[in-house]
């Protein structure tokens, strides 16, 4: 049992450790020298229907001066996944800084909160794979869980990363059914 728990810990470090490792990497330091005002904006990872991570975390940093996002992939080594990409946002929308110190609800706990509420909020949704984003939106730090369902809808539940409460939820049809 101890070995299993140690393996999980080694395989799935928390956001603070991931951020430290990225910031200590040569590739990040090079980027930061070119983008001194760049800041942490999000953590992203594809997940299975059971909320298991499908790959390594991707960590985004936003540069307000260029209005571009650079995404670093966290794995055995830190690499640049997307270099200075455009950000999909409304023209007046601000990409907020993610302050990792405000995250008191770690991913496994956020998964527990999600699992506790998803069947009540979306009964019989028939979830497929999805993704999770840790981000700050409207001054709230959230674990943002989004899945596609078998009926071709997106379902979304946002868990507050500070309090562990469900902030909001929604569903959206992927295709227009002529309604």
Foldseek 3Di string as FASTA:
>chain_A
DVVVVVVCCVVDPWPVVQVVQLCPAPVNVVVCVVQVPKAWFKKKFKAWPLRHGPAFIWTWIARPVLQFIWIWGDDPHIDTPDDRHHDPDDPPDDRDHDDVVLQPQTDVLLSVLCVVCVCVVPPPQAWGIWMWMFGADPNFTWTWTWTAGPQQKIKIWIAGRNPRHTPDIDIGHPDDPPD
